N, C-alpha and C. Protein backbone atom coordinates (compact mmCIF):
# COMPACT_ATOMS: atom_id res chain seq x y z
N MET A 1 12.63 -51.17 123.35
CA MET A 1 11.98 -50.03 122.71
C MET A 1 11.13 -49.42 123.11
N ASP A 2 11.61 -47.66 122.78
CA ASP A 2 10.71 -46.74 123.60
C ASP A 2 9.70 -46.51 122.67
N TYR A 3 8.33 -46.18 123.20
CA TYR A 3 7.14 -45.74 122.94
C TYR A 3 7.10 -44.83 122.61
N THR A 4 8.12 -43.60 122.55
CA THR A 4 7.94 -42.58 122.14
C THR A 4 8.81 -42.00 120.79
N ASN A 5 9.30 -43.24 120.24
CA ASN A 5 9.41 -43.39 119.23
C ASN A 5 8.88 -44.07 117.86
N ILE A 6 7.50 -44.38 118.34
CA ILE A 6 6.50 -44.82 117.48
C ILE A 6 6.14 -43.82 116.81
N PHE A 7 6.07 -43.86 115.09
CA PHE A 7 5.40 -43.42 113.77
C PHE A 7 4.43 -44.31 113.44
N PHE A 8 3.37 -43.23 113.06
CA PHE A 8 2.52 -44.20 112.63
C PHE A 8 1.87 -43.20 111.06
N GLN A 9 2.26 -44.24 109.93
CA GLN A 9 1.73 -43.52 108.89
C GLN A 9 -0.10 -44.48 108.69
N PHE A 10 -0.87 -43.15 108.08
CA PHE A 10 -2.12 -44.00 107.12
C PHE A 10 -2.05 -43.60 105.51
N LYS A 11 -2.91 -44.84 105.53
CA LYS A 11 -3.08 -44.57 104.27
C LYS A 11 -4.48 -44.71 103.70
N ARG A 12 -5.21 -44.00 102.65
CA ARG A 12 -6.18 -44.58 102.40
C ARG A 12 -6.44 -46.13 101.26
N ASN A 13 -7.28 -46.79 102.09
CA ASN A 13 -7.48 -48.57 101.43
C ASN A 13 -8.55 -48.10 101.11
N LEU A 14 -8.61 -47.75 100.18
CA LEU A 14 -9.39 -47.89 98.69
C LEU A 14 -9.36 -48.71 97.70
N PRO A 15 -10.43 -49.29 97.03
CA PRO A 15 -9.67 -49.89 95.73
C PRO A 15 -9.72 -48.88 94.51
N VAL A 16 -8.67 -49.42 93.65
CA VAL A 16 -7.80 -48.38 92.79
C VAL A 16 -8.15 -49.20 91.76
N ASN A 17 -8.61 -48.37 90.19
CA ASN A 17 -8.80 -48.95 88.82
C ASN A 17 -7.37 -48.74 88.12
N LEU A 18 -6.60 -49.71 88.38
CA LEU A 18 -5.42 -49.26 87.45
C LEU A 18 -5.56 -49.38 86.02
N LEU A 19 -6.46 -49.69 85.20
CA LEU A 19 -6.43 -49.80 83.77
C LEU A 19 -7.09 -48.03 83.74
N ASP A 20 -7.75 -47.55 84.54
CA ASP A 20 -8.17 -46.84 84.20
C ASP A 20 -6.67 -45.38 84.10
N GLU A 21 -6.25 -45.50 85.60
CA GLU A 21 -5.32 -44.63 85.75
C GLU A 21 -4.45 -44.90 84.66
N ALA A 22 -3.86 -46.16 84.53
CA ALA A 22 -2.85 -46.12 82.94
C ALA A 22 -3.52 -45.71 82.14
N GLN A 23 -4.63 -45.58 81.22
CA GLN A 23 -5.09 -44.77 80.60
C GLN A 23 -5.12 -43.35 80.54
N THR A 24 -5.48 -42.75 81.53
CA THR A 24 -5.52 -41.59 81.90
C THR A 24 -4.22 -40.83 82.40
N THR A 25 -3.07 -41.67 82.44
CA THR A 25 -1.65 -41.16 82.47
C THR A 25 -1.17 -41.50 81.27
N SER A 26 -1.90 -42.36 80.21
CA SER A 26 -1.00 -42.92 78.74
C SER A 26 -1.62 -41.24 77.97
N GLN A 27 -2.97 -41.03 77.98
CA GLN A 27 -3.40 -39.60 78.03
C GLN A 27 -2.93 -38.17 77.92
N LEU A 28 -1.96 -38.41 79.02
CA LEU A 28 -1.36 -37.23 79.69
C LEU A 28 -0.31 -36.73 78.62
N ARG A 29 0.48 -38.23 78.25
CA ARG A 29 1.81 -37.73 77.82
C ARG A 29 1.83 -36.95 76.27
N GLY A 30 2.56 -36.12 76.88
CA GLY A 30 3.14 -34.63 75.88
C GLY A 30 2.38 -33.79 76.13
N HIS A 31 1.57 -33.57 77.94
CA HIS A 31 0.58 -32.43 78.19
C HIS A 31 0.91 -32.30 79.31
N VAL A 32 2.09 -33.25 80.30
CA VAL A 32 2.21 -32.77 81.46
C VAL A 32 3.67 -33.66 81.18
N SER A 33 4.48 -32.99 82.34
CA SER A 33 5.78 -33.55 82.70
C SER A 33 5.60 -35.28 82.63
N GLU A 34 6.84 -35.67 82.94
CA GLU A 34 6.78 -37.00 83.00
C GLU A 34 6.59 -37.50 84.28
N ARG A 35 7.25 -36.75 85.07
CA ARG A 35 7.28 -36.84 86.98
C ARG A 35 5.87 -36.30 87.27
N THR A 36 5.17 -35.74 86.70
CA THR A 36 3.58 -35.31 87.15
C THR A 36 3.11 -36.65 86.78
N ARG A 37 3.08 -37.19 85.45
CA ARG A 37 2.08 -38.83 85.51
C ARG A 37 2.31 -39.89 86.19
N LEU A 38 3.10 -39.91 86.40
CA LEU A 38 4.09 -40.80 87.41
C LEU A 38 3.64 -40.38 88.77
N SER A 39 3.19 -39.25 88.87
CA SER A 39 2.95 -38.99 90.47
C SER A 39 1.35 -39.01 90.45
N GLN A 40 0.47 -39.52 89.73
CA GLN A 40 -0.59 -40.11 89.32
C GLN A 40 -0.88 -41.18 89.75
N LEU A 41 0.29 -41.82 89.75
CA LEU A 41 -0.37 -43.21 89.92
C LEU A 41 -0.25 -43.84 91.41
N SER A 42 -0.79 -44.40 91.73
CA SER A 42 -1.14 -45.52 92.78
C SER A 42 0.08 -45.65 93.44
N PHE A 43 0.26 -46.68 92.58
CA PHE A 43 1.34 -47.45 92.59
C PHE A 43 2.82 -47.05 93.00
N VAL A 44 3.28 -45.84 92.66
CA VAL A 44 4.49 -45.18 92.42
C VAL A 44 4.48 -44.12 93.75
N ASP A 45 5.37 -44.66 94.34
CA ASP A 45 5.77 -44.32 95.63
C ASP A 45 6.66 -43.18 95.66
N ASP A 46 7.38 -43.71 94.54
CA ASP A 46 8.73 -43.10 94.54
C ASP A 46 9.35 -42.70 93.52
N VAL A 47 9.09 -40.96 92.97
CA VAL A 47 8.91 -41.20 92.03
C VAL A 47 10.20 -40.69 90.58
N GLU A 48 11.03 -39.87 92.02
CA GLU A 48 12.46 -39.88 91.23
C GLU A 48 13.07 -41.27 91.43
N TRP A 49 12.94 -42.25 92.46
CA TRP A 49 13.58 -43.21 92.15
C TRP A 49 13.08 -44.21 90.89
N GLU A 50 11.64 -43.91 90.60
CA GLU A 50 11.13 -44.45 88.97
C GLU A 50 11.65 -43.93 87.80
N MET A 51 12.11 -42.85 88.17
CA MET A 51 12.64 -42.14 86.78
C MET A 51 13.70 -42.27 86.30
N GLU A 52 14.47 -42.68 88.18
CA GLU A 52 15.92 -43.23 87.73
C GLU A 52 15.80 -44.76 86.93
N GLU A 53 14.92 -45.35 87.36
CA GLU A 53 14.85 -46.83 87.07
C GLU A 53 14.59 -46.79 85.47
N MET A 54 13.93 -45.57 84.81
CA MET A 54 13.37 -46.08 83.42
C MET A 54 14.41 -45.67 83.31
N ALA A 55 15.77 -44.48 83.32
CA ALA A 55 16.60 -44.40 82.84
C ALA A 55 17.41 -45.28 82.36
N LYS A 56 17.40 -46.20 83.40
CA LYS A 56 18.55 -47.40 83.56
C LYS A 56 17.84 -48.41 82.29
N ASP A 57 16.52 -48.48 82.67
CA ASP A 57 16.01 -49.33 81.42
C ASP A 57 16.04 -48.70 79.59
N ALA A 58 16.00 -47.46 79.87
CA ALA A 58 15.94 -46.74 78.63
C ALA A 58 17.92 -46.88 77.83
N GLU A 59 18.44 -47.04 78.90
CA GLU A 59 19.95 -47.09 78.06
C GLU A 59 20.31 -48.67 77.96
N GLY A 60 19.65 -49.71 77.96
CA GLY A 60 19.94 -50.91 77.34
C GLY A 60 19.00 -51.43 76.49
N LEU A 61 18.15 -50.06 75.95
CA LEU A 61 17.46 -50.59 74.90
C LEU A 61 18.31 -50.73 73.38
N ILE A 62 17.86 -50.96 72.84
CA ILE A 62 18.35 -50.99 71.07
C ILE A 62 17.49 -50.60 70.05
N ASP A 63 18.15 -49.35 69.20
CA ASP A 63 16.43 -48.97 69.21
C ASP A 63 17.00 -49.26 67.35
N LEU A 64 15.87 -50.14 66.80
CA LEU A 64 15.33 -50.67 65.95
C LEU A 64 15.33 -50.21 64.77
N ASP A 65 15.06 -48.81 65.09
CA ASP A 65 15.21 -48.15 63.64
C ASP A 65 16.22 -47.11 63.21
N GLU A 66 17.21 -47.45 64.21
CA GLU A 66 18.18 -46.76 63.53
C GLU A 66 19.33 -48.12 63.33
N GLY A 67 19.74 -48.02 62.29
CA GLY A 67 20.85 -49.13 61.43
C GLY A 67 22.09 -48.85 61.69
N ASP A 68 22.75 -49.98 62.13
CA ASP A 68 23.98 -50.21 62.80
C ASP A 68 25.25 -49.98 61.64
N GLY A 69 24.66 -49.97 60.08
CA GLY A 69 25.69 -49.72 59.17
C GLY A 69 26.06 -51.31 58.12
N ASN A 70 25.52 -52.33 58.91
CA ASN A 70 25.68 -53.57 58.34
C ASN A 70 24.53 -54.41 57.46
N ASP A 71 23.52 -53.28 57.49
CA ASP A 71 22.30 -53.75 56.96
C ASP A 71 22.14 -54.02 55.50
N VAL A 72 21.66 -55.24 55.47
CA VAL A 72 21.49 -55.88 53.61
C VAL A 72 20.61 -55.14 52.80
């Protein structure tokens, strides 16, 4: 291993209040973009990847408000 190829990355190791983050981002819905909201969450490192995952999740959801024409 070549010692000149070592890179360091530092992160603040402060306790976070996830409930506060969740409530804050929830209140921002409709006021800022989804990308901005996700970037405010400390546990989301890659906003683009998270948005792709959310889109995949949304594809598999069934809209219960929409009837399929077979409703009795």
